């Protein structure tokens, strides 16, 4: 009896662990300029990869079950799809996989320090 109970508990724990990593994500699937399929959500832009992910999803609202691999080491955030739940209406929301970084102006290179307009004397 104890062995059967232990087996049931083990099976339930295994099923719970397998389901624990998946979450539902909904957003607009779009192909970016580099040909990558992205999932545009209100707060995130992610590379869409995994089961059933192909060009036919592009331009549609999608809901997927997936796990997330957060961005790091020059890599974008990834949504690793395990199941496509639904493909909805057409959409055209786009997003950037990589955040835009400001170049900034170096220490000595301040605007106007290059000498001004050619042929015009520098003000004293």
PDB file of N, CA and C in Angstrom:
ATOM      1  N   UNK A   1       0.813  -1.196   0.000  1.00  0.00           N
ATOM      2  CA  UNK A   1       0.000   0.000   0.000  1.00  0.00           C
ATOM      3  C   UNK A   1       0.859   1.264   0.000  1.00  0.00           C
ATOM      4  N   UNK A   2       1.895   1.259   0.841  1.00  0.00           N
ATOM      5  CA  UNK A   2       2.783   2.415   0.910  1.00  0.00           C
ATOM      6  C   UNK A   2       3.522   2.616  -0.412  1.00  0.00           C
ATOM      7  N   UNK A   3       3.890   1.528  -1.038  1.00  0.00           N
ATOM      8  CA  UNK A   3       4.601   1.622  -2.318  1.00  0.00           C
ATOM      9  C   UNK A   3       3.698   2.264  -3.375  1.00  0.00           C
ATOM     10  N   UNK A   4       2.420   1.892  -3.391  1.00  0.00           N
ATOM     11  CA  UNK A   4       1.475   2.457  -4.353  1.00  0.00           C
ATOM     12  C   UNK A   4       1.272   3.951  -4.081  1.00  0.00           C
ATOM     13  N   UNK A   5       1.160   4.316  -2.817  1.00  0.00           N
ATOM     14  CA  UNK A   5       0.997   5.719  -2.444  1.00  0.00           C
ATOM     15  C   UNK A   5       2.239   6.525  -2.831  1.00  0.00           C
ATOM     16  N   UNK A   6       3.417   5.979  -2.598  1.00  0.00           N
ATOM     17  CA  UNK A   6       4.662   6.656  -2.959  1.00  0.00           C
ATOM     18  C   UNK A   6       4.761   6.832  -4.468  1.00  0.00           C
ATOM     19  N   UNK A   7       4.319   5.823  -5.217  1.00  0.00           N
ATOM     20  CA  UNK A   7       4.340   5.899  -6.678  1.00  0.00           C
ATOM     21  C   UNK A   7       3.389   6.991  -7.180  1.00  0.00           C
ATOM     22  N   UNK A   8       2.198   7.083  -6.585  1.00  0.00           N
ATOM     23  CA  UNK A   8       1.231   8.113  -6.969  1.00  0.00           C
ATOM     24  C   UNK A   8       1.796   9.504  -6.685  1.00  0.00           C
ATOM     25  N   UNK A   9       2.399   9.692  -5.529  1.00  0.00           N
ATOM     26  CA  UNK A   9       2.990  10.980  -5.168  1.00  0.00           C
ATOM     27  C   UNK A   9       4.121  11.330  -6.144  1.00  0.00           C
ATOM     28  N   UNK A  10       4.938  10.342  -6.504  1.00  0.00           N
ATOM     29  CA  UNK A  10       6.028  10.566  -7.440  1.00  0.00           C
ATOM     30  C   UNK A  10       5.509  10.980  -8.819  1.00  0.00           C
ATOM     31  N   UNK A  11       4.475  10.326  -9.293  1.00  0.00           N
ATOM     32  CA  UNK A  11       3.889  10.666 -10.589  1.00  0.00           C
ATOM     33  C   UNK A  11       3.298  12.065 -10.564  1.00  0.00           C
ATOM     34  N   UNK A  12       2.586  12.399  -9.494  1.00  0.00           N
ATOM     35  CA  UNK A  12       1.986  13.737  -9.387  1.00  0.00           C
ATOM     36  C   UNK A  12       3.072  14.816  -9.351  1.00  0.00           C
ATOM     37  N   UNK A  13       4.171  14.568  -8.643  1.00  0.00           N
ATOM     38  CA  UNK A  13       5.264  15.532  -8.565  1.00  0.00           C
ATOM     39  C   UNK A  13       5.926  15.710  -9.929  1.00  0.00           C
ATOM     40  N   UNK A  14       6.085  14.613 -10.661  1.00  0.00           N
ATOM     41  CA  UNK A  14       6.689  14.681 -11.991  1.00  0.00           C
ATOM     42  C   UNK A  14       5.814  15.477 -12.949  1.00  0.00           C
ATOM     43  N   UNK A  15       4.517  15.252 -12.928  1.00  0.00           N
ATOM     44  CA  UNK A  15       3.582  15.989 -13.786  1.00  0.00           C
ATOM     45  C   UNK A  15       3.587  17.468 -13.426  1.00  0.00           C
ATOM     46  N   UNK A  16       3.580  17.779 -12.152  1.00  0.00           N
ATOM     47  CA  UNK A  16       3.595  19.180 -11.709  1.00  0.00           C
ATOM     48  C   UNK A  16       4.886  19.871 -12.135  1.00  0.00           C
ATOM     49  N   UNK A  17       6.000  19.173 -12.052  1.00  0.00           N
ATOM     50  CA  UNK A  17       7.278  19.758 -12.455  1.00  0.00           C
ATOM     51  C   UNK A  17       7.319  20.002 -13.956  1.00  0.00           C
ATOM     52  N   UNK A  18       6.762  19.081 -14.713  1.00  0.00           N
ATOM     53  CA  UNK A  18       6.746  19.236 -16.169  1.00  0.00           C
ATOM     54  C   UNK A  18       5.880  20.418 -16.590  1.00  0.00           C
ATOM     55  N   UNK A  19       4.793  20.673 -15.907  1.00  0.00           N
ATOM     56  CA  UNK A  19       3.901  21.767 -16.247  1.00  0.00           C
ATOM     57  C   UNK A  19       4.359  23.093 -15.664  1.00  0.00           C
ATOM     58  N   UNK A  20       5.204  23.058 -14.652  1.00  0.00           N
ATOM     59  CA  UNK A  20       5.617  24.258 -13.939  1.00  0.00           C
ATOM     60  C   UNK A  20       6.394  25.257 -14.775  1.00  0.00           C
ATOM     61  N   UNK A  21       7.146  24.817 -15.789  1.00  0.00           N
ATOM     62  CA  UNK A  21       7.977  25.710 -16.571  1.00  0.00           C
ATOM     63  C   UNK A  21       7.230  26.438 -17.670  1.00  0.00           C
ATOM     64  N   UNK A  22       6.016  26.032 -17.982  1.00  0.00           N
ATOM     65  CA  UNK A  22       5.269  26.633 -19.084  1.00  0.00           C
ATOM     66  C   UNK A  22       4.312  27.698 -18.589  1.00  0.00           C
ATOM     67  N   UNK A  23       4.258  28.785 -19.348  1.00  0.00           N
ATOM     68  CA  UNK A  23       3.357  29.888 -19.076  1.00  0.00           C
ATOM     69  C   UNK A  23       2.739  30.298 -20.402  1.00  0.00           C
ATOM     70  N   UNK A  24       1.573  30.913 -20.355  1.00  0.00           N
ATOM     71  CA  UNK A  24       0.945  31.410 -21.581  1.00  0.00           C
ATOM     72  C   UNK A  24       1.395  32.836 -21.862  1.00  0.00           C
ATOM     73  N   UNK A  25       1.716  33.080 -23.113  1.00  0.00           N
ATOM     74  CA  UNK A  25       2.116  34.401 -23.578  1.00  0.00           C
ATOM     75  C   UNK A  25       1.232  34.764 -24.759  1.00  0.00           C
ATOM     76  N   UNK A  26       0.785  36.005 -24.799  1.00  0.00           N
ATOM     77  CA  UNK A  26      -0.031  36.492 -25.909  1.00  0.00           C
ATOM     78  C   UNK A  26       0.596  37.774 -26.440  1.00  0.00           C
ATOM     79  N   UNK A  27       0.707  37.852 -27.749  1.00  0.00           N
ATOM     80  CA  UNK A  27       1.275  39.036 -28.364  1.00  0.00           C
ATOM     81  C   UNK A  27       1.160  38.963 -29.870  1.00  0.00           C
ATOM     82  N   UNK A  28       1.791  39.913 -30.523  1.00  0.00           N
ATOM     83  CA  UNK A  28       1.778  39.990 -31.986  1.00  0.00           C
ATOM     84  C   UNK A  28       3.068  39.370 -32.508  1.00  0.00           C
ATOM     85  N   UNK A  29       2.946  38.354 -33.344  1.00  0.00           N
ATOM     86  CA  UNK A  29       4.117  37.719 -33.944  1.00  0.00           C
ATOM     87  C   UNK A  29       4.465  38.465 -35.226  1.00  0.00           C
ATOM     88  N   UNK A  30       5.684  38.949 -35.320  1.00  0.00           N
ATOM     89  CA  UNK A  30       6.127  39.696 -36.499  1.00  0.00           C
ATOM     90  C   UNK A  30       7.527  39.245 -36.897  1.00  0.00           C
ATOM     91  N   UNK A  31       7.826  39.350 -38.177  1.00  0.00           N
ATOM     92  CA  UNK A  31       9.167  39.065 -38.665  1.00  0.00           C
ATOM     93  C   UNK A  31       9.938  40.374 -38.691  1.00  0.00           C
ATOM     94  N   UNK A  32      11.136  40.387 -38.064  1.00  0.00           N
ATOM     95  CA  UNK A  32      11.918  41.620 -38.037  1.00  0.00           C
ATOM     96  C   UNK A  32      12.759  41.747 -39.304  1.00  0.00           C
ATOM     97  N   UNK A  33      13.558  42.797 -39.396  1.00  0.00           N
ATOM     98  CA  UNK A  33      14.345  43.069 -40.601  1.00  0.00           C
ATOM     99  C   UNK A  33      15.377  41.988 -40.878  1.00  0.00           C
ATOM    100  N   UNK A  34      15.778  41.245 -39.853  1.00  0.00           N
ATOM    101  CA  UNK A  34      16.763  40.181 -40.018  1.00  0.00           C
ATOM    102  C   UNK A  34      16.115  38.825 -40.303  1.00  0.00           C
ATOM    103  N   UNK A  35      14.787  38.798 -40.387  1.00  0.00           N
ATOM    104  CA  UNK A  35      14.083  37.554 -40.668  1.00  0.00           C
ATOM    105  C   UNK A  35      13.737  36.731 -39.439  1.00  0.00           C
ATOM    106  N   UNK A  36      13.994  37.272 -38.244  1.00  0.00           N
ATOM    107  CA  UNK A  36      13.647  36.569 -37.002  1.00  0.00           C
ATOM    108  C   UNK A  36      12.178  36.791 -36.672  1.00  0.00           C
ATOM    109  N   UNK A  37      11.525  35.777 -36.155  1.00  0.00           N
ATOM    110  CA  UNK A  37      10.138  35.918 -35.714  1.00  0.00           C
ATOM    111  C   UNK A  37      10.155  36.424 -34.277  1.00  0.00           C
ATOM    112  N   UNK A  38       9.497  37.557 -34.025  1.00  0.00           N
ATOM    113  CA  UNK A  38       9.474  38.155 -32.696  1.00  0.00           C
ATOM    114  C   UNK A  38       8.068  38.102 -32.122  1.00  0.00           C
ATOM    115  N   UNK A  39       7.985  38.063 -30.807  1.00  0.00           N
ATOM    116  CA  UNK A  39       6.707  38.151 -30.104  1.00  0.00           C
ATOM    117  C   UNK A  39       6.686  39.492 -29.405  1.00  0.00           C
ATOM    118  N   UNK A  40       5.809  40.375 -29.850  1.00  0.00           N
ATOM    119  CA  UNK A  40       5.705  41.722 -29.297  1.00  0.00           C
ATOM    120  C   UNK A  40       4.605  41.737 -28.251  1.00  0.00           C
ATOM    121  N   UNK A  41       4.997  41.903 -27.004  1.00  0.00           N
ATOM    122  CA  UNK A  41       4.069  42.009 -25.881  1.00  0.00           C
ATOM    123  C   UNK A  41       4.123  43.448 -25.382  1.00  0.00           C
ATOM    124  N   UNK A  42       3.170  43.848 -24.543  1.00  0.00           N
ATOM    125  CA  UNK A  42       3.188  45.231 -24.049  1.00  0.00           C
ATOM    126  C   UNK A  42       4.487  45.620 -23.344  1.00  0.00           C
ATOM    127  N   UNK A  43       5.109  44.694 -22.588  1.00  0.00           N
ATOM    128  CA  UNK A  43       6.302  45.031 -21.819  1.00  0.00           C
ATOM    129  C   UNK A  43       7.578  44.373 -22.310  1.00  0.00           C
ATOM    130  N   UNK A  44       7.487  43.519 -23.316  1.00  0.00           N
ATOM    131  CA  UNK A  44       8.666  42.771 -23.765  1.00  0.00           C
ATOM    132  C   UNK A  44       8.646  42.574 -25.270  1.00  0.00           C
ATOM    133  N   UNK A  45       9.833  42.394 -25.808  1.00  0.00           N
ATOM    134  CA  UNK A  45       9.999  41.944 -27.183  1.00  0.00           C
ATOM    135  C   UNK A  45      10.894  40.726 -27.091  1.00  0.00           C
ATOM    136  N   UNK A  46      10.449  39.606 -27.648  1.00  0.00           N
ATOM    137  CA  UNK A  46      11.180  38.355 -27.500  1.00  0.00           C
ATOM    138  C   UNK A  46      11.350  37.664 -28.831  1.00  0.00           C
ATOM    139  N   UNK A  47      12.436  36.912 -28.957  1.00  0.00           N
ATOM    140  CA  UNK A  47      12.650  36.052 -30.102  1.00  0.00           C
ATOM    141  C   UNK A  47      11.755  34.835 -29.906  1.00  0.00           C
ATOM    142  N   UNK A  48      10.958  34.504 -30.898  1.00  0.00           N
ATOM    143  CA  UNK A  48       9.998  33.407 -30.804  1.00  0.00           C
ATOM    144  C   UNK A  48      10.610  32.171 -31.446  1.00  0.00           C
ATOM    145  N   UNK A  49      10.832  31.116 -30.663  1.00  0.00           N
ATOM    146  CA  UNK A  49      11.418  29.876 -31.164  1.00  0.00           C
ATOM    147  C   UNK A  49      10.666  28.687 -30.584  1.00  0.00           C
ATOM    148  N   UNK A  50      10.866  27.529 -31.181  1.00  0.00           N
ATOM    149  CA  UNK A  50      10.306  26.314 -30.613  1.00  0.00           C
ATOM    150  C   UNK A  50       9.338  25.600 -31.531  1.00  0.00           C
ATOM    151  N   UNK A  51       8.483  24.782 -30.932  1.00  0.00           N
ATOM    152  CA  UNK A  51       7.563  23.912 -31.637  1.00  0.00           C
ATOM    153  C   UNK A  51       6.513  24.706 -32.417  1.00  0.00           C
ATOM    154  N   UNK A  52       6.421  24.443 -33.721  1.00  0.00           N
ATOM    155  CA  UNK A  52       5.385  25.053 -34.553  1.00  0.00           C
ATOM    156  C   UNK A  52       5.611  26.499 -34.934  1.00  0.00           C
ATOM    157  N   UNK A  53       6.755  27.055 -34.581  1.00  0.00           N
ATOM    158  CA  UNK A  53       7.032  28.457 -34.889  1.00  0.00           C
ATOM    159  C   UNK A  53       7.569  28.539 -36.319  1.00  0.00           C
ATOM    160  N   UNK A  54       6.819  29.219 -37.186  1.00  0.00           N
ATOM    161  CA  UNK A  54       7.272  29.436 -38.559  1.00  0.00           C
ATOM    162  C   UNK A  54       6.668  30.717 -39.108  1.00  0.00           C
ATOM    163  N   UNK A  55       6.987  31.025 -40.349  1.00  0.00           N
ATOM    164  CA  UNK A  55       6.610  32.297 -40.972  1.00  0.00           C
ATOM    165  C   UNK A  55       5.099  32.517 -41.045  1.00  0.00           C
ATOM    166  N   UNK A  56       4.297  31.452 -41.022  1.00  0.00           N
ATOM    167  CA  UNK A  56       2.843  31.629 -41.128  1.00  0.00           C
ATOM    168  C   UNK A  56       2.260  32.365 -39.918  1.00  0.00           C
ATOM    169  N   UNK A  57       2.978  32.411 -38.805  1.00  0.00           N
ATOM    170  CA  UNK A  57       2.502  33.136 -37.617  1.00  0.00           C
ATOM    171  C   UNK A  57       2.686  34.646 -37.754  1.00  0.00           C
ATOM    172  N   UNK A  58       3.597  35.051 -38.609  1.00  0.00           N
ATOM    173  CA  UNK A  58       3.929  36.466 -38.745  1.00  0.00           C
ATOM    174  C   UNK A  58       2.711  37.292 -39.153  1.00  0.00           C
ATOM    175  N   UNK A  59       2.506  38.384 -38.426  1.00  0.00           N
ATOM    176  CA  UNK A  59       1.394  39.281 -38.716  1.00  0.00           C
ATOM    177  C   UNK A  59       0.097  38.895 -38.034  1.00  0.00           C
ATOM    178  N   UNK A  60       0.165  37.971 -37.072  1.00  0.00           N
ATOM    179  CA  UNK A  60      -1.041  37.521 -36.361  1.00  0.00           C
ATOM    180  C   UNK A  60      -0.846  37.589 -34.853  1.00  0.00           C
ATOM    181  N   UNK A  61      -1.953  37.838 -34.161  1.00  0.00           N
ATOM    182  CA  UNK A  61      -1.938  37.759 -32.701  1.00  0.00           C
ATOM    183  C   UNK A  61      -1.881  36.275 -32.350  1.00  0.00           C
ATOM    184  N   UNK A  62      -0.972  35.908 -31.457  1.00  0.00           N
ATOM    185  CA  UNK A  62      -0.822  34.499 -31.085  1.00  0.00           C
ATOM    186  C   UNK A  62      -0.826  34.346 -29.571  1.00  0.00           C
ATOM    187  N   UNK A  63      -1.275  33.191 -29.137  1.00  0.00           N
ATOM    188  CA  UNK A  63      -1.159  32.788 -27.739  1.00  0.00           C
ATOM    189  C   UNK A  63      -0.402  31.476 -27.743  1.00  0.00           C
ATOM    190  N   UNK A  64       0.662  31.410 -26.946  1.00  0.00           N
ATOM    191  CA  UNK A  64       1.498  30.221 -26.902  1.00  0.00           C
ATOM    192  C   UNK A  64       1.750  29.795 -25.462  1.00  0.00           C
ATOM    193  N   UNK A  65       1.995  28.504 -25.283  1.00  0.00           N
ATOM    194  CA  UNK A  65       2.503  28.008 -24.005  1.00  0.00           C
ATOM    195  C   UNK A  65       3.994  27.877 -24.204  1.00  0.00           C
ATOM    196  N   UNK A  66       4.770  28.467 -23.291  1.00  0.00           N
ATOM    197  CA  UNK A  66       6.215  28.517 -23.501  1.00  0.00           C
ATOM    198  C   UNK A  66       6.940  28.787 -22.195  1.00  0.00           C
ATOM    199  N   UNK A  67       8.240  28.628 -22.256  1.00  0.00           N
ATOM    200  CA  UNK A  67       9.101  29.052 -21.160  1.00  0.00           C
ATOM    201  C   UNK A  67       9.948  30.205 -21.677  1.00  0.00           C
ATOM    202  N   UNK A  68      10.534  30.954 -20.761  1.00  0.00           N
ATOM    203  CA  UNK A  68      11.301  32.148 -21.141  1.00  0.00           C
ATOM    204  C   UNK A  68      12.764  31.953 -20.781  1.00  0.00           C
ATOM    205  N   UNK A  69      13.610  32.358 -21.708  1.00  0.00           N
ATOM    206  CA  UNK A  69      15.042  32.423 -21.455  1.00  0.00           C
ATOM    207  C   UNK A  69      15.384  33.904 -21.487  1.00  0.00           C
ATOM    208  N   UNK A  70      15.690  34.475 -20.330  1.00  0.00           N
ATOM    209  CA  UNK A  70      15.930  35.916 -20.233  1.00  0.00           C
ATOM    210  C   UNK A  70      17.152  36.331 -21.038  1.00  0.00           C
ATOM    211  N   UNK A  71      17.175  37.583 -21.442  1.00  0.00           N
ATOM    212  CA  UNK A  71      18.273  38.128 -22.233  1.00  0.00           C
ATOM    213  C   UNK A  71      19.560  38.141 -21.434  1.00  0.00           C
ATOM    214  N   UNK A  72      20.665  38.002 -22.128  1.00  0.00           N
ATOM    215  CA  UNK A  72      21.960  38.065 -21.471  1.00  0.00           C
ATOM    216  C   UNK A  72      23.072  37.800 -22.451  1.00  0.00           C
ATOM    217  N   UNK A  73      24.258  38.299 -22.153  1.00  0.00           N
ATOM    218  CA  UNK A  73      25.451  38.077 -22.972  1.00  0.00           C
ATOM    219  C   UNK A  73      25.220  38.405 -24.438  1.00  0.00           C
ATOM    220  N   UNK A  74      24.577  39.521 -24.717  1.00  0.00           N
ATOM    221  CA  UNK A  74      24.349  39.953 -26.085  1.00  0.00           C
ATOM    222  C   UNK A  74      23.257  39.183 -26.814  1.00  0.00           C
ATOM    223  N   UNK A  75      22.519  38.357 -26.112  1.00  0.00           N
ATOM    224  CA  UNK A  75      21.443  37.576 -26.702  1.00  0.00           C
ATOM    225  C   UNK A  75      20.097  38.171 -26.293  1.00  0.00           C
ATOM    226  N   UNK A  76      19.113  38.141 -27.200  1.00  0.00           N
ATOM    227  CA  UNK A  76      17.796  38.680 -26.851  1.00  0.00           C
ATOM    228  C   UNK A  76      17.018  37.729 -25.947  1.00  0.00           C
ATOM    229  N   UNK A  77      15.978  38.233 -25.345  1.00  0.00           N
ATOM    230  CA  UNK A  77      15.050  37.410 -24.562  1.00  0.00           C
ATOM    231  C   UNK A  77      14.383  36.433 -25.530  1.00  0.00           C
ATOM    232  N   UNK A  78      14.241  35.167 -25.126  1.00  0.00           N
ATOM    233  CA  UNK A  78      13.643  34.140 -25.980  1.00  0.00           C
ATOM    234  C   UNK A  78      12.409  33.549 -25.327  1.00  0.00           C
ATOM    235  N   UNK A  79      11.389  33.345 -26.146  1.00  0.00           N
ATOM    236  CA  UNK A  79      10.204  32.602 -25.720  1.00  0.00           C
ATOM    237  C   UNK A  79      10.292  31.264 -26.429  1.00  0.00           C
ATOM    238  N   UNK A  80      10.502  30.185 -25.652  1.00  0.00           N
ATOM    239  CA  UNK A  80      10.674  28.839 -26.187  1.00  0.00           C
ATOM    240  C   UNK A  80       9.324  28.130 -26.182  1.00  0.00           C
ATOM    241  N   UNK A  81       8.664  28.090 -27.326  1.00  0.00           N
ATOM    242  CA  UNK A  81       7.295  27.591 -27.457  1.00  0.00           C
ATOM    243  C   UNK A  81       7.250  26.071 -27.341  1.00  0.00           C
ATOM    244  N   UNK A  82       6.326  25.592 -26.504  1.00  0.00           N
ATOM    245  CA  UNK A  82       6.062  24.156 -26.417  1.00  0.00           C
ATOM    246  C   UNK A  82       4.735  23.807 -27.073  1.00  0.00           C
ATOM    247  N   UNK A  83       3.833  24.807 -27.187  1.00  0.00           N
ATOM    248  CA  UNK A  83       2.529  24.575 -27.798  1.00  0.00           C
ATOM    249  C   UNK A  83       1.948  25.903 -28.277  1.00  0.00           C
ATOM    250  N   UNK A  84       1.404  25.906 -29.495  1.00  0.00           N
ATOM    251  CA  UNK A  84       0.687  27.078 -29.979  1.00  0.00           C
ATOM    252  C   UNK A  84      -0.776  26.893 -29.605  1.00  0.00           C
ATOM    253  N   UNK A  85      -1.271  27.779 -28.751  1.00  0.00           N
ATOM    254  CA  UNK A  85      -2.644  27.670 -28.253  1.00  0.00           C
ATOM    255  C   UNK A  85      -3.627  28.216 -29.281  1.00  0.00           C
ATOM    256  N   UNK A  86      -3.339  29.409 -29.823  1.00  0.00           N
ATOM    257  CA  UNK A  86      -4.246  29.988 -30.820  1.00  0.00           C
ATOM    258  C   UNK A  86      -3.512  30.980 -31.706  1.00  0.00           C
ATOM    259  N   UNK A  87      -4.025  31.112 -32.923  1.00  0.00           N
ATOM    260  CA  UNK A  87      -3.561  32.126 -33.867  1.00  0.00           C
ATOM    261  C   UNK A  87      -4.776  32.975 -34.173  1.00  0.00           C
ATOM    262  N   UNK A  88      -4.679  34.278 -33.883  1.00  0.00           N
ATOM    263  CA  UNK A  88      -5.847  35.151 -33.992  1.00  0.00           C
ATOM    264  C   UNK A  88      -5.803  36.093 -35.168  1.00  0.00           C
ATOM    265  N   UNK A  89      -6.384  37.241 -34.964  1.00  0.00           N
ATOM    266  CA  UNK A  89      -6.555  38.262 -35.998  1.00  0.00           C
ATOM    267  C   UNK A  89      -5.214  38.842 -36.437  1.00  0.00           C
ATOM    268  N   UNK A  90      -5.243  39.502 -37.569  1.00  0.00           N
ATOM    269  CA  UNK A  90      -4.048  40.167 -38.084  1.00  0.00           C
ATOM    270  C   UNK A  90      -3.631  41.300 -37.145  1.00  0.00           C
ATOM    271  N   UNK A  91      -2.319  41.529 -37.047  1.00  0.00           N
ATOM    272  CA  UNK A  91      -1.790  42.616 -36.228  1.00  0.00           C
ATOM    273  C   UNK A  91      -0.555  43.170 -36.928  1.00  0.00           C
ATOM    274  N   UNK A  92      -0.116  44.344 -36.512  1.00  0.00           N
ATOM    275  CA  UNK A  92       1.068  44.931 -37.129  1.00  0.00           C
ATOM    276  C   UNK A  92       1.975  45.608 -36.115  1.00  0.00           C
ATOM    277  N   UNK A  93       1.905  45.206 -34.874  1.00  0.00           N
ATOM    278  CA  UNK A  93       2.762  45.762 -33.827  1.00  0.00           C
ATOM    279  C   UNK A  93       4.187  45.257 -34.051  1.00  0.00           C
ATOM    280  N   UNK A  94       5.154  46.118 -33.921  1.00  0.00           N
ATOM    281  CA  UNK A  94       6.538  45.684 -34.063  1.00  0.00           C
ATOM    282  C   UNK A  94       7.334  46.117 -32.842  1.00  0.00           C
ATOM    283  N   UNK A  95       8.471  45.466 -32.637  1.00  0.00           N
ATOM    284  CA  UNK A  95       9.304  45.795 -31.489  1.00  0.00           C
ATOM    285  C   UNK A  95      10.759  45.488 -31.838  1.00  0.00           C
ATOM    286  N   UNK A  96      11.684  45.928 -31.002  1.00  0.00           N
ATOM    287  CA  UNK A  96      13.111  45.710 -31.220  1.00  0.00           C
ATOM    288  C   UNK A  96      13.633  44.675 -30.237  1.00  0.00           C
ATOM    289  N   UNK A  97      14.313  43.663 -30.753  1.00  0.00           N
ATOM    290  CA  UNK A  97      14.871  42.625 -29.884  1.00  0.00           C
ATOM    291  C   UNK A  97      15.957  43.169 -28.964  1.00  0.00           C
ATOM    292  N   UNK A  98      16.725  44.108 -29.479  1.00  0.00           N
ATOM    293  CA  UNK A  98      17.806  44.684 -28.695  1.00  0.00           C
ATOM    294  C   UNK A  98      17.444  46.114 -28.345  1.00  0.00           C
ATOM    295  N   UNK A  99      17.734  46.513 -27.117  1.00  0.00           N
ATOM    296  CA  UNK A  99      17.422  47.881 -26.723  1.00  0.00           C
ATOM    297  C   UNK A  99      18.357  48.841 -27.438  1.00  0.00           C
ATOM    298  N   UNK A 100      17.852  50.029 -27.713  1.00  0.00           N
ATOM    299  CA  UNK A 100      18.645  51.047 -28.386  1.00  0.00           C
ATOM    300  C   UNK A 100      19.525  51.724 -27.342  1.00  0.00           C
ATOM    301  N   UNK A 101      20.819  51.738 -27.599  1.00  0.00           N
ATOM    302  CA  UNK A 101      21.756  52.348 -26.656  1.00  0.00           C
ATOM    303  C   UNK A 101      22.178  53.711 -27.171  1.00  0.00           C
ATOM    304  N   UNK A 102      22.311  54.665 -26.281  1.00  0.00           N
ATOM    305  CA  UNK A 102      22.751  56.005 -26.621  1.00  0.00           C
ATOM    306  C   UNK A 102      24.275  55.983 -26.726  1.00  0.00           C
ATOM    307  N   UNK A 103      24.819  56.518 -27.818  1.00  0.00           N
ATOM    308  CA  UNK A 103      26.274  56.553 -27.989  1.00  0.00           C
ATOM    309  C   UNK A 103      26.918  57.521 -27.024  1.00  0.00           C
ATOM    310  N   UNK A 104      26.222  58.587 -26.775  1.00  0.00           N
ATOM    311  CA  UNK A 104      26.788  59.601 -25.886  1.00  0.00           C
ATOM    312  C   UNK A 104      27.892  60.381 -26.557  1.00  0.00           C
ATOM    313  N   UNK A 105      28.297  61.437 -25.946  1.00  0.00           N
ATOM    314  CA  UNK A 105      29.378  62.267 -26.469  1.00  0.00           C
ATOM    315  C   UNK A 105      30.525  62.148 -25.498  1.00  0.00           C
ATOM    316  N   UNK A 106      31.707  61.833 -26.020  1.00  0.00           N
ATOM    317  CA  UNK A 106      32.883  61.637 -25.175  1.00  0.00           C
ATOM    318  C   UNK A 106      33.271  62.883 -24.412  1.00  0.00           C
ATOM    319  N   UNK A 107      34.265  62.753 -23.534  1.00  0.00           N
ATOM    320  CA  UNK A 107      34.707  63.829 -22.664  1.00  0.00           C
ATOM    321  C   UNK A 107      35.056  65.121 -23.367  1.00  0.00           C
ATOM    322  N   UNK A 108      35.951  65.099 -24.389  1.00  0.00           N
ATOM    323  CA  UNK A 108      36.384  66.318 -25.047  1.00  0.00           C
ATOM    324  C   UNK A 108      35.471  66.729 -26.192  1.00  0.00           C
ATOM    325  N   UNK A 109      34.726  65.815 -26.750  1.00  0.00           N
ATOM    326  CA  UNK A 109      33.930  66.090 -27.945  1.00  0.00           C
ATOM    327  C   UNK A 109      32.569  66.676 -27.605  1.00  0.00           C
ATOM    328  N   UNK A 110      32.574  67.933 -27.192  1.00  0.00           N
ATOM    329  CA  UNK A 110      31.324  68.623 -26.892  1.00  0.00           C
ATOM    330  C   UNK A 110      30.818  69.296 -28.163  1.00  0.00           C
ATOM    331  N   UNK A 111      29.511  69.423 -28.324  1.00  0.00           N
ATOM    332  CA  UNK A 111      28.989  70.089 -29.511  1.00  0.00           C
ATOM    333  C   UNK A 111      29.588  71.486 -29.669  1.00  0.00           C
ATOM    334  N   UNK A 112      30.038  71.807 -30.878  1.00  0.00           N
ATOM    335  CA  UNK A 112      30.610  73.118 -31.147  1.00  0.00           C
ATOM    336  C   UNK A 112      32.106  73.198 -30.929  1.00  0.00           C
ATOM    337  N   UNK A 113      32.718  72.161 -30.372  1.00  0.00           N
ATOM    338  CA  UNK A 113      34.154  72.205 -30.094  1.00  0.00           C
ATOM    339  C   UNK A 113      34.998  71.870 -31.317  1.00  0.00           C
ATOM    340  N   UNK A 114      34.356  71.547 -32.426  1.00  0.00           N
ATOM    341  CA  UNK A 114      35.096  71.165 -33.623  1.00  0.00           C
ATOM    342  C   UNK A 114      35.622  72.375 -34.388  1.00  0.00           C
ATOM    343  N   UNK A 115      35.317  73.588 -33.994  1.00  0.00           N
ATOM    344  CA  UNK A 115      35.869  74.761 -34.662  1.00  0.00           C
ATOM    345  C   UNK A 115      34.828  75.640 -35.330  1.00  0.00           C
ATOM    346  N   UNK A 116      33.603  75.218 -35.343  1.00  0.00           N
ATOM    347  CA  UNK A 116      32.559  76.071 -35.902  1.00  0.00           C
ATOM    348  C   UNK A 116      32.460  76.015 -37.407  1.00  0.00           C
ATOM    349  N   UNK A 117      31.900  77.062 -37.986  1.00  0.00           N
ATOM    350  CA  UNK A 117      31.674  77.122 -39.421  1.00  0.00           C
ATOM    351  C   UNK A 117      32.950  77.523 -40.148  1.00  0.00           C
ATOM    352  N   UNK A 118      33.311  76.806 -41.213  1.00  0.00           N
ATOM    353  CA  UNK A 118      34.527  77.179 -41.959  1.00  0.00           C
ATOM    354  C   UNK A 118      34.416  78.609 -42.496  1.00  0.00           C
ATOM    355  N   UNK A 119      35.494  79.370 -42.369  1.00  0.00           N
ATOM    356  CA  UNK A 119      35.531  80.747 -42.879  1.00  0.00           C
ATOM    357  C   UNK A 119      35.014  81.775 -41.894  1.00  0.00           C
ATOM    358  N   UNK A 120      34.475  81.369 -40.765  1.00  0.00           N
ATOM    359  CA  UNK A 120      33.966  82.310 -39.760  1.00  0.00           C
ATOM    360  C   UNK A 120      34.923  82.292 -38.583  1.00  0.00           C
ATOM    361  N   UNK A 121      35.295  83.483 -38.120  1.00  0.00           N
ATOM    362  CA  UNK A 121      36.227  83.600 -37.009  1.00  0.00           C
ATOM    363  C   UNK A 121      35.574  83.101 -35.714  1.00  0.00           C
ATOM    364  N   UNK A 122      36.392  82.466 -34.911  1.00  0.00           N
ATOM    365  CA  UNK A 122      35.923  81.942 -33.634  1.00  0.00           C
ATOM    366  C   UNK A 122      35.721  83.100 -32.658  1.00  0.00           C
ATOM    367  N   UNK A 123      34.577  83.147 -31.964  1.00  0.00           N
ATOM    368  CA  UNK A 123      34.348  84.232 -31.001  1.00  0.00           C
ATOM    369  C   UNK A 123      35.343  84.146 -29.847  1.00  0.00           C
ATOM    370  N   UNK A 124      35.796  85.332 -29.379  1.00  0.00           N
ATOM    371  CA  UNK A 124      36.784  85.384 -28.291  1.00  0.00           C
ATOM    372  C   UNK A 124      36.117  85.510 -26.965  1.00  0.00           C
TER     373      UNK A 124
END
